[in-house]
Amino acid sequence: MEDVVAIIAIVLGLPWIIFHYITKWKTAATLTTGDEALLEELYQLARRLDERMDTVERLVAADNPEFKPARIMHDRETDNQKLRELDRLFAEQGRTSK
């Protein structure tokens, strides 16, 4: 009788436990819509702050010609490359989610 219980536990119980945790793992690995909305909001905030920093640097440079900005100048390609990549990813996500 103990052998039958052990075989049933192995044949039914073990796969059930494995599939249960695989399902939990897959659902936990995805972003929720709330997470996506928060990321979008943070991204927009980062873009606005970047534009404000560019404005502040231009104003300070206009008042003080010897000013050397700590950041890379806003008109350089390398400075905005990451933001453009994020713009591209958001555009692709917008096309695939519709």
PDB file of N, CA and C in Angstrom:
ATOM      1  N   MET A   1       0.822  -1.191   0.000  1.00  0.00           N
ATOM      2  CA  MET A   1       0.000   0.000   0.000  1.00  0.00           C
ATOM      3  C   MET A   1       0.869   1.259   0.000  1.00  0.00           C
ATOM      4  N   GLU A   2       1.938   1.236   0.759  1.00  0.00           N
ATOM      5  CA  GLU A   2       2.840   2.388   0.799  1.00  0.00           C
ATOM      6  C   GLU A   2       3.508   2.624  -0.541  1.00  0.00           C
ATOM      7  N   ASP A   3       3.766   1.536  -1.260  1.00  0.00           N
ATOM      8  CA  ASP A   3       4.376   1.673  -2.582  1.00  0.00           C
ATOM      9  C   ASP A   3       3.425   2.378  -3.552  1.00  0.00           C
ATOM     10  N   VAL A   4       2.148   2.060  -3.478  1.00  0.00           N
ATOM     11  CA  VAL A   4       1.151   2.661  -4.358  1.00  0.00           C
ATOM     12  C   VAL A   4       1.036   4.156  -4.064  1.00  0.00           C
ATOM     13  N   VAL A   5       1.031   4.535  -2.793  1.00  0.00           N
ATOM     14  CA  VAL A   5       0.949   5.941  -2.409  1.00  0.00           C
ATOM     15  C   VAL A   5       2.198   6.686  -2.884  1.00  0.00           C
ATOM     16  N   ALA A   6       3.355   6.072  -2.739  1.00  0.00           N
ATOM     17  CA  ALA A   6       4.599   6.711  -3.173  1.00  0.00           C
ATOM     18  C   ALA A   6       4.613   6.901  -4.684  1.00  0.00           C
ATOM     19  N   ILE A   7       4.147   5.927  -5.432  1.00  0.00           N
ATOM     20  CA  ILE A   7       4.123   6.031  -6.895  1.00  0.00           C
ATOM     21  C   ILE A   7       3.132   7.106  -7.333  1.00  0.00           C
ATOM     22  N   ILE A   8       1.969   7.133  -6.695  1.00  0.00           N
ATOM     23  CA  ILE A   8       0.979   8.164  -7.030  1.00  0.00           C
ATOM     24  C   ILE A   8       1.528   9.559  -6.707  1.00  0.00           C
ATOM     25  N   ALA A   9       2.201   9.682  -5.580  1.00  0.00           N
ATOM     26  CA  ALA A   9       2.785  10.971  -5.201  1.00  0.00           C
ATOM     27  C   ALA A   9       3.832  11.405  -6.211  1.00  0.00           C
ATOM     28  N   ILE A  10       4.619  10.487  -6.682  1.00  0.00           N
ATOM     29  CA  ILE A  10       5.659  10.835  -7.659  1.00  0.00           C
ATOM     30  C   ILE A  10       5.042  11.149  -9.016  1.00  0.00           C
ATOM     31  N   VAL A  11       4.104  10.320  -9.462  1.00  0.00           N
ATOM     32  CA  VAL A  11       3.530  10.479 -10.792  1.00  0.00           C
ATOM     33  C   VAL A  11       2.611  11.710 -10.867  1.00  0.00           C
ATOM     34  N   LEU A  12       1.826  11.959  -9.834  1.00  0.00           N
ATOM     35  CA  LEU A  12       0.887  13.082  -9.873  1.00  0.00           C
ATOM     36  C   LEU A  12       1.377  14.315  -9.112  1.00  0.00           C
ATOM     37  N   GLY A  13       1.904  14.115  -7.954  1.00  0.00           N
ATOM     38  CA  GLY A  13       2.278  15.239  -7.091  1.00  0.00           C
ATOM     39  C   GLY A  13       3.473  16.023  -7.586  1.00  0.00           C
ATOM     40  N   LEU A  14       4.505  15.322  -7.981  1.00  0.00           N
ATOM     41  CA  LEU A  14       5.727  16.003  -8.416  1.00  0.00           C
ATOM     42  C   LEU A  14       5.502  16.861  -9.665  1.00  0.00           C
ATOM     43  N   PRO A  15       4.863  16.334 -10.726  1.00  0.00           N
ATOM     44  CA  PRO A  15       4.602  17.206 -11.881  1.00  0.00           C
ATOM     45  C   PRO A  15       3.690  18.382 -11.540  1.00  0.00           C
ATOM     46  N   TRP A  16       2.696  18.166 -10.668  1.00  0.00           N
ATOM     47  CA  TRP A  16       1.804  19.262 -10.285  1.00  0.00           C
ATOM     48  C   TRP A  16       2.594  20.371  -9.612  1.00  0.00           C
ATOM     49  N   ILE A  17       3.491  20.016  -8.697  1.00  0.00           N
ATOM     50  CA  ILE A  17       4.311  21.027  -8.010  1.00  0.00           C
ATOM     51  C   ILE A  17       5.202  21.756  -9.013  1.00  0.00           C
ATOM     52  N   ILE A  18       5.818  21.021  -9.918  1.00  0.00           N
ATOM     53  CA  ILE A  18       6.713  21.626 -10.907  1.00  0.00           C
ATOM     54  C   ILE A  18       5.934  22.593 -11.802  1.00  0.00           C
ATOM     55  N   PHE A  19       4.797  22.160 -12.342  1.00  0.00           N
ATOM     56  CA  PHE A  19       4.009  23.028 -13.220  1.00  0.00           C
ATOM     57  C   PHE A  19       3.418  24.221 -12.473  1.00  0.00           C
ATOM     58  N   HIS A  20       3.077  24.014 -11.218  1.00  0.00           N
ATOM     59  CA  HIS A  20       2.559  25.120 -10.406  1.00  0.00           C
ATOM     60  C   HIS A  20       3.597  26.233 -10.294  1.00  0.00           C
ATOM     61  N   TYR A  21       4.834  25.870  -9.965  1.00  0.00           N
ATOM     62  CA  TYR A  21       5.865  26.892  -9.803  1.00  0.00           C
ATOM     63  C   TYR A  21       6.356  27.460 -11.131  1.00  0.00           C
ATOM     64  N   ILE A  22       6.282  26.695 -12.195  1.00  0.00           N
ATOM     65  CA  ILE A  22       6.602  27.237 -13.524  1.00  0.00           C
ATOM     66  C   ILE A  22       5.588  28.320 -13.891  1.00  0.00           C
ATOM     67  N   THR A  23       4.311  28.052 -13.614  1.00  0.00           N
ATOM     68  CA  THR A  23       3.267  29.040 -13.888  1.00  0.00           C
ATOM     69  C   THR A  23       3.475  30.294 -13.049  1.00  0.00           C
ATOM     70  N   LYS A  24       3.793  30.129 -11.773  1.00  0.00           N
ATOM     71  CA  LYS A  24       4.066  31.288 -10.900  1.00  0.00           C
ATOM     72  C   LYS A  24       5.253  32.085 -11.425  1.00  0.00           C
ATOM     73  N   TRP A  25       6.293  31.383 -11.860  1.00  0.00           N
ATOM     74  CA  TRP A  25       7.496  32.036 -12.351  1.00  0.00           C
ATOM     75  C   TRP A  25       7.204  32.842 -13.616  1.00  0.00           C
ATOM     76  N   LYS A  26       6.413  32.283 -14.523  1.00  0.00           N
ATOM     77  CA  LYS A  26       6.103  32.993 -15.771  1.00  0.00           C
ATOM     78  C   LYS A  26       5.245  34.227 -15.525  1.00  0.00           C
ATOM     79  N   THR A  27       4.291  34.145 -14.628  1.00  0.00           N
ATOM     80  CA  THR A  27       3.449  35.308 -14.373  1.00  0.00           C
ATOM     81  C   THR A  27       4.206  36.386 -13.608  1.00  0.00           C
ATOM     82  N   ALA A  28       5.142  36.019 -12.766  1.00  0.00           N
ATOM     83  CA  ALA A  28       5.904  37.004 -12.004  1.00  0.00           C
ATOM     84  C   ALA A  28       6.939  37.709 -12.872  1.00  0.00           C
ATOM     85  N   ALA A  29       7.327  37.118 -13.977  1.00  0.00           N
ATOM     86  CA  ALA A  29       8.381  37.694 -14.819  1.00  0.00           C
ATOM     87  C   ALA A  29       7.864  38.800 -15.737  1.00  0.00           C
ATOM     88  N   THR A  30       6.560  38.967 -15.839  1.00  0.00           N
ATOM     89  CA  THR A  30       6.032  39.972 -16.749  1.00  0.00           C
ATOM     90  C   THR A  30       5.702  41.260 -15.996  1.00  0.00           C
ATOM     91  N   LEU A  31       5.688  42.345 -16.738  1.00  0.00           N
ATOM     92  CA  LEU A  31       5.309  43.635 -16.169  1.00  0.00           C
ATOM     93  C   LEU A  31       3.787  43.771 -16.189  1.00  0.00           C
ATOM     94  N   THR A  32       3.259  44.317 -15.136  1.00  0.00           N
ATOM     95  CA  THR A  32       1.828  44.581 -15.110  1.00  0.00           C
ATOM     96  C   THR A  32       1.558  45.893 -15.838  1.00  0.00           C
ATOM     97  N   THR A  33       0.307  46.165 -16.120  1.00  0.00           N
ATOM     98  CA  THR A  33      -0.028  47.419 -16.789  1.00  0.00           C
ATOM     99  C   THR A  33       0.307  48.612 -15.896  1.00  0.00           C
ATOM    100  N   GLY A  34       0.187  48.426 -14.580  1.00  0.00           N
ATOM    101  CA  GLY A  34       0.576  49.497 -13.651  1.00  0.00           C
ATOM    102  C   GLY A  34       2.065  49.772 -13.715  1.00  0.00           C
ATOM    103  N   ASP A  35       2.866  48.692 -13.824  1.00  0.00           N
ATOM    104  CA  ASP A  35       4.310  48.864 -13.959  1.00  0.00           C
ATOM    105  C   ASP A  35       4.664  49.590 -15.247  1.00  0.00           C
ATOM    106  N   GLU A  36       3.985  49.222 -16.334  1.00  0.00           N
ATOM    107  CA  GLU A  36       4.250  49.877 -17.615  1.00  0.00           C
ATOM    108  C   GLU A  36       3.868  51.356 -17.569  1.00  0.00           C
ATOM    109  N   ALA A  37       2.759  51.661 -16.915  1.00  0.00           N
ATOM    110  CA  ALA A  37       2.340  53.062 -16.797  1.00  0.00           C
ATOM    111  C   ALA A  37       3.345  53.855 -15.969  1.00  0.00           C
ATOM    112  N   LEU A  38       3.841  53.246 -14.898  1.00  0.00           N
ATOM    113  CA  LEU A  38       4.846  53.912 -14.069  1.00  0.00           C
ATOM    114  C   LEU A  38       6.131  54.138 -14.853  1.00  0.00           C
ATOM    115  N   LEU A  39       6.566  53.155 -15.624  1.00  0.00           N
ATOM    116  CA  LEU A  39       7.769  53.316 -16.444  1.00  0.00           C
ATOM    117  C   LEU A  39       7.577  54.419 -17.481  1.00  0.00           C
ATOM    118  N   GLU A  40       6.409  54.475 -18.093  1.00  0.00           N
ATOM    119  CA  GLU A  40       6.128  55.536 -19.077  1.00  0.00           C
ATOM    120  C   GLU A  40       6.173  56.905 -18.404  1.00  0.00           C
ATOM    121  N   GLU A  41       5.596  57.009 -17.218  1.00  0.00           N
ATOM    122  CA  GLU A  41       5.602  58.281 -16.491  1.00  0.00           C
ATOM    123  C   GLU A  41       7.027  58.688 -16.115  1.00  0.00           C
ATOM    124  N   LEU A  42       7.823  57.733 -15.654  1.00  0.00           N
ATOM    125  CA  LEU A  42       9.209  58.031 -15.301  1.00  0.00           C
ATOM    126  C   LEU A  42      10.027  58.418 -16.525  1.00  0.00           C
ATOM    127  N   TYR A  43       9.747  57.777 -17.641  1.00  0.00           N
ATOM    128  CA  TYR A  43      10.447  58.105 -18.876  1.00  0.00           C
ATOM    129  C   TYR A  43      10.133  59.537 -19.313  1.00  0.00           C
ATOM    130  N   GLN A  44       8.860  59.916 -19.261  1.00  0.00           N
ATOM    131  CA  GLN A  44       8.480  61.278 -19.631  1.00  0.00           C
ATOM    132  C   GLN A  44       9.110  62.295 -18.677  1.00  0.00           C
ATOM    133  N   LEU A  45       9.165  61.964 -17.402  1.00  0.00           N
ATOM    134  CA  LEU A  45       9.810  62.838 -16.427  1.00  0.00           C
ATOM    135  C   LEU A  45      11.292  62.995 -16.738  1.00  0.00           C
ATOM    136  N   ALA A  46      11.956  61.895 -17.086  1.00  0.00           N
ATOM    137  CA  ALA A  46      13.381  61.953 -17.427  1.00  0.00           C
ATOM    138  C   ALA A  46      13.611  62.821 -18.662  1.00  0.00           C
ATOM    139  N   ARG A  47      12.739  62.719 -19.646  1.00  0.00           N
ATOM    140  CA  ARG A  47      12.873  63.562 -20.848  1.00  0.00           C
ATOM    141  C   ARG A  47      12.717  65.035 -20.501  1.00  0.00           C
ATOM    142  N   ARG A  48      11.724  65.365 -19.654  1.00  0.00           N
ATOM    143  CA  ARG A  48      11.520  66.762 -19.270  1.00  0.00           C
ATOM    144  C   ARG A  48      12.713  67.287 -18.474  1.00  0.00           C
ATOM    145  N   LEU A  49      13.241  66.462 -17.575  1.00  0.00           N
ATOM    146  CA  LEU A  49      14.409  66.891 -16.791  1.00  0.00           C
ATOM    147  C   LEU A  49      15.637  67.083 -17.680  1.00  0.00           C
ATOM    148  N   ASP A  50      15.787  66.222 -18.681  1.00  0.00           N
ATOM    149  CA  ASP A  50      16.905  66.365 -19.611  1.00  0.00           C
ATOM    150  C   ASP A  50      16.791  67.679 -20.377  1.00  0.00           C
ATOM    151  N   GLU A  51      15.588  68.002 -20.827  1.00  0.00           N
ATOM    152  CA  GLU A  51      15.388  69.268 -21.542  1.00  0.00           C
ATOM    153  C   GLU A  51      15.641  70.461 -20.625  1.00  0.00           C
ATOM    154  N   ARG A  52      15.229  70.358 -19.375  1.00  0.00           N
ATOM    155  CA  ARG A  52      15.464  71.449 -18.424  1.00  0.00           C
ATOM    156  C   ARG A  52      16.954  71.632 -18.154  1.00  0.00           C
ATOM    157  N   MET A  53      17.682  70.529 -18.034  1.00  0.00           N
ATOM    158  CA  MET A  53      19.132  70.627 -17.819  1.00  0.00           C
ATOM    159  C   MET A  53      19.802  71.293 -19.013  1.00  0.00           C
ATOM    160  N   ASP A  54      19.368  70.943 -20.211  1.00  0.00           N
ATOM    161  CA  ASP A  54      19.911  71.594 -21.404  1.00  0.00           C
ATOM    162  C   ASP A  54      19.651  73.099 -21.367  1.00  0.00           C
ATOM    163  N   THR A  55      18.440  73.487 -20.965  1.00  0.00           N
ATOM    164  CA  THR A  55      18.088  74.907 -20.882  1.00  0.00           C
ATOM    165  C   THR A  55      18.937  75.626 -19.844  1.00  0.00           C
ATOM    166  N   VAL A  56      19.098  75.009 -18.676  1.00  0.00           N
ATOM    167  CA  VAL A  56      19.906  75.622 -17.614  1.00  0.00           C
ATOM    168  C   VAL A  56      21.349  75.783 -18.080  1.00  0.00           C
ATOM    169  N   GLU A  57      21.883  74.755 -18.742  1.00  0.00           N
ATOM    170  CA  GLU A  57      23.263  74.848 -19.229  1.00  0.00           C
ATOM    171  C   GLU A  57      23.407  75.957 -20.266  1.00  0.00           C
ATOM    172  N   ARG A  58      22.418  76.109 -21.153  1.00  0.00           N
ATOM    173  CA  ARG A  58      22.491  77.176 -22.153  1.00  0.00           C
ATOM    174  C   ARG A  58      22.430  78.550 -21.494  1.00  0.00           C
ATOM    175  N   LEU A  59      21.567  78.699 -20.479  1.00  0.00           N
ATOM    176  CA  LEU A  59      21.457  79.987 -19.787  1.00  0.00           C
ATOM    177  C   LEU A  59      22.741  80.335 -19.050  1.00  0.00           C
ATOM    178  N   VAL A  60      23.317  79.361 -18.364  1.00  0.00           N
ATOM    179  CA  VAL A  60      24.553  79.615 -17.629  1.00  0.00           C
ATOM    180  C   VAL A  60      25.686  79.910 -18.604  1.00  0.00           C
ATOM    181  N   ALA A  61      25.745  79.172 -19.711  1.00  0.00           N
ATOM    182  CA  ALA A  61      26.792  79.404 -20.705  1.00  0.00           C
ATOM    183  C   ALA A  61      26.642  80.782 -21.348  1.00  0.00           C
ATOM    184  N   ALA A  62      25.410  81.264 -21.492  1.00  0.00           N
ATOM    185  CA  ALA A  62      25.188  82.592 -22.066  1.00  0.00           C
ATOM    186  C   ALA A  62      25.677  83.684 -21.116  1.00  0.00           C
ATOM    187  N   ASP A  63      25.527  83.451 -19.809  1.00  0.00           N
ATOM    188  CA  ASP A  63      25.974  84.439 -18.826  1.00  0.00           C
ATOM    189  C   ASP A  63      27.469  84.351 -18.535  1.00  0.00           C
ATOM    190  N   ASN A  64      28.016  83.169 -18.676  1.00  0.00           N
ATOM    191  CA  ASN A  64      29.424  82.950 -18.343  1.00  0.00           C
ATOM    192  C   ASN A  64      30.085  82.168 -19.476  1.00  0.00           C
ATOM    193  N   PRO A  65      30.832  82.824 -20.353  1.00  0.00           N
ATOM    194  CA  PRO A  65      31.420  82.144 -21.513  1.00  0.00           C
ATOM    195  C   PRO A  65      32.451  81.075 -21.134  1.00  0.00           C
ATOM    196  N   GLU A  66      32.995  81.136 -19.924  1.00  0.00           N
ATOM    197  CA  GLU A  66      33.992  80.149 -19.513  1.00  0.00           C
ATOM    198  C   GLU A  66      33.362  78.888 -18.933  1.00  0.00           C
ATOM    199  N   PHE A  67      32.046  78.854 -18.866  1.00  0.00           N
ATOM    200  CA  PHE A  67      31.343  77.712 -18.297  1.00  0.00           C
ATOM    201  C   PHE A  67      31.538  76.480 -19.167  1.00  0.00           C
ATOM    202  N   LYS A  68      31.949  75.393 -18.540  1.00  0.00           N
ATOM    203  CA  LYS A  68      32.100  74.103 -19.214  1.00  0.00           C
ATOM    204  C   LYS A  68      31.092  73.143 -18.584  1.00  0.00           C
ATOM    205  N   PRO A  69      30.058  72.762 -19.320  1.00  0.00           N
ATOM    206  CA  PRO A  69      29.032  71.888 -18.732  1.00  0.00           C
ATOM    207  C   PRO A  69      29.612  70.522 -18.357  1.00  0.00           C
ATOM    208  N   ALA A  70      29.129  70.005 -17.238  1.00  0.00           N
ATOM    209  CA  ALA A  70      29.568  68.678 -16.789  1.00  0.00           C
ATOM    210  C   ALA A  70      28.988  67.593 -17.686  1.00  0.00           C
ATOM    211  N   ARG A  71      27.817  67.874 -18.224  1.00  0.00           N
ATOM    212  CA  ARG A  71      27.171  66.911 -19.114  1.00  0.00           C
ATOM    213  C   ARG A  71      27.667  67.118 -20.541  1.00  0.00           C
ATOM    214  N   ILE A  72      27.418  66.145 -21.354  1.00  0.00           N
ATOM    215  CA  ILE A  72      27.713  66.272 -22.777  1.00  0.00           C
ATOM    216  C   ILE A  72      26.732  67.272 -23.368  1.00  0.00           C
ATOM    217  N   MET A  73      27.152  68.053 -24.300  1.00  0.00           N
ATOM    218  CA  MET A  73      26.279  69.072 -24.907  1.00  0.00           C
ATOM    219  C   MET A  73      25.046  68.407 -25.512  1.00  0.00           C
ATOM    220  N   HIS A  74      23.916  69.090 -25.427  1.00  0.00           N
ATOM    221  CA  HIS A  74      22.645  68.507 -25.834  1.00  0.00           C
ATOM    222  C   HIS A  74      22.548  68.221 -27.319  1.00  0.00           C
ATOM    223  N   ASP A  75      23.319  68.902 -28.144  1.00  0.00           N
ATOM    224  CA  ASP A  75      23.186  68.707 -29.575  1.00  0.00           C
ATOM    225  C   ASP A  75      24.073  67.590 -30.107  1.00  0.00           C
ATOM    226  N   ARG A  76      24.790  66.921 -29.246  1.00  0.00           N
ATOM    227  CA  ARG A  76      25.615  65.807 -29.684  1.00  0.00           C
ATOM    228  C   ARG A  76      24.779  64.535 -29.771  1.00  0.00           C
ATOM    229  N   GLU A  77      25.117  63.707 -30.724  1.00  0.00           N
ATOM    230  CA  GLU A  77      24.384  62.464 -30.960  1.00  0.00           C
ATOM    231  C   GLU A  77      24.514  61.498 -29.786  1.00  0.00           C
ATOM    232  N   THR A  78      25.679  61.397 -29.176  1.00  0.00           N
ATOM    233  CA  THR A  78      25.891  60.422 -28.102  1.00  0.00           C
ATOM    234  C   THR A  78      25.073  60.741 -26.864  1.00  0.00           C
ATOM    235  N   ASP A  79      24.757  61.999 -26.631  1.00  0.00           N
ATOM    236  CA  ASP A  79      23.983  62.379 -25.454  1.00  0.00           C
ATOM    237  C   ASP A  79      22.548  61.890 -25.546  1.00  0.00           C
ATOM    238  N   ASN A  80      21.941  61.994 -26.718  1.00  0.00           N
ATOM    239  CA  ASN A  80      20.533  61.652 -26.876  1.00  0.00           C
ATOM    240  C   ASN A  80      20.307  60.258 -27.439  1.00  0.00           C
ATOM    241  N   GLN A  81      21.347  59.482 -27.610  1.00  0.00           N
ATOM    242  CA  GLN A  81      21.226  58.164 -28.216  1.00  0.00           C
ATOM    243  C   GLN A  81      20.341  57.231 -27.379  1.00  0.00           C
ATOM    244  N   LYS A  82      20.508  57.230 -26.068  1.00  0.00           N
ATOM    245  CA  LYS A  82      19.699  56.345 -25.222  1.00  0.00           C
ATOM    246  C   LYS A  82      18.241  56.758 -25.234  1.00  0.00           C
ATOM    247  N   LEU A  83      17.969  58.059 -25.236  1.00  0.00           N
ATOM    248  CA  LEU A  83      16.583  58.516 -25.298  1.00  0.00           C
ATOM    249  C   LEU A  83      15.943  58.152 -26.632  1.00  0.00           C
ATOM    250  N   ARG A  84      16.698  58.223 -27.709  1.00  0.00           N
ATOM    251  CA  ARG A  84      16.151  57.835 -29.006  1.00  0.00           C
ATOM    252  C   ARG A  84      15.861  56.341 -29.047  1.00  0.00           C
ATOM    253  N   GLU A  85      16.723  55.559 -28.426  1.00  0.00           N
ATOM    254  CA  GLU A  85      16.496  54.112 -28.363  1.00  0.00           C
ATOM    255  C   GLU A  85      15.218  53.810 -27.574  1.00  0.00           C
ATOM    256  N   LEU A  86      15.000  54.517 -26.482  1.00  0.00           N
ATOM    257  CA  LEU A  86      13.767  54.333 -25.713  1.00  0.00           C
ATOM    258  C   LEU A  86      12.550  54.779 -26.519  1.00  0.00           C
ATOM    259  N   ASP A  87      12.684  55.872 -27.260  1.00  0.00           N
ATOM    260  CA  ASP A  87      11.586  56.317 -28.126  1.00  0.00           C
ATOM    261  C   ASP A  87      11.235  55.228 -29.139  1.00  0.00           C
ATOM    262  N   ARG A  88      12.250  54.611 -29.711  1.00  0.00           N
ATOM    263  CA  ARG A  88      12.032  53.552 -30.698  1.00  0.00           C
ATOM    264  C   ARG A  88      11.339  52.354 -30.049  1.00  0.00           C
ATOM    265  N   LEU A  89      11.774  51.970 -28.844  1.00  0.00           N
ATOM    266  CA  LEU A  89      11.157  50.837 -28.151  1.00  0.00           C
ATOM    267  C   LEU A  89       9.701  51.123 -27.808  1.00  0.00           C
ATOM    268  N   PHE A  90       9.413  52.362 -27.359  1.00  0.00           N
ATOM    269  CA  PHE A  90       8.032  52.722 -27.051  1.00  0.00           C
ATOM    270  C   PHE A  90       7.180  52.716 -28.315  1.00  0.00           C
ATOM    271  N   ALA A  91       7.730  53.154 -29.429  1.00  0.00           N
ATOM    272  CA  ALA A  91       6.984  53.155 -30.683  1.00  0.00           C
ATOM    273  C   ALA A  91       6.685  51.728 -31.121  1.00  0.00           C
ATOM    274  N   GLU A  92       7.656  50.832 -30.994  1.00  0.00           N
ATOM    275  CA  GLU A  92       7.433  49.433 -31.344  1.00  0.00           C
ATOM    276  C   GLU A  92       6.400  48.799 -30.423  1.00  0.00           C
ATOM    277  N   GLN A  93       6.460  49.109 -29.149  1.00  0.00           N
ATOM    278  CA  GLN A  93       5.509  48.554 -28.195  1.00  0.00           C
ATOM    279  C   GLN A  93       4.105  49.060 -28.505  1.00  0.00           C
ATOM    280  N   GLY A  94       3.991  50.315 -28.881  1.00  0.00           N
ATOM    281  CA  GLY A  94       2.693  50.879 -29.239  1.00  0.00           C
ATOM    282  C   GLY A  94       2.089  50.195 -30.449  1.00  0.00           C
ATOM    283  N   ARG A  95       2.934  49.825 -31.403  1.00  0.00           N
ATOM    284  CA  ARG A  95       2.436  49.144 -32.605  1.00  0.00           C
ATOM    285  C   ARG A  95       2.021  47.717 -32.291  1.00  0.00           C
ATOM    286  N   THR A  96       2.768  47.024 -31.423  1.00  0.00           N
ATOM    287  CA  THR A  96       2.465  45.623 -31.146  1.00  0.00           C
ATOM    288  C   THR A  96       1.301  45.463 -30.181  1.00  0.00           C
ATOM    289  N   SER A  97       1.055  46.462 -29.300  1.00  0.00           N
ATOM    290  CA  SER A  97      -0.010  46.317 -28.329  1.00  0.00           C
ATOM    291  C   SER A  97      -1.377  46.642 -28.885  1.00  0.00           C
ATOM    292  N   LYS A  98      -1.436  47.278 -30.046  1.00  0.00           N
ATOM    293  CA  LYS A  98      -2.737  47.658 -30.650  1.00  0.00           C
ATOM    294  C   LYS A  98      -3.345  46.529 -31.405  1.00  0.00           C
TER     295      LYS A  98
END
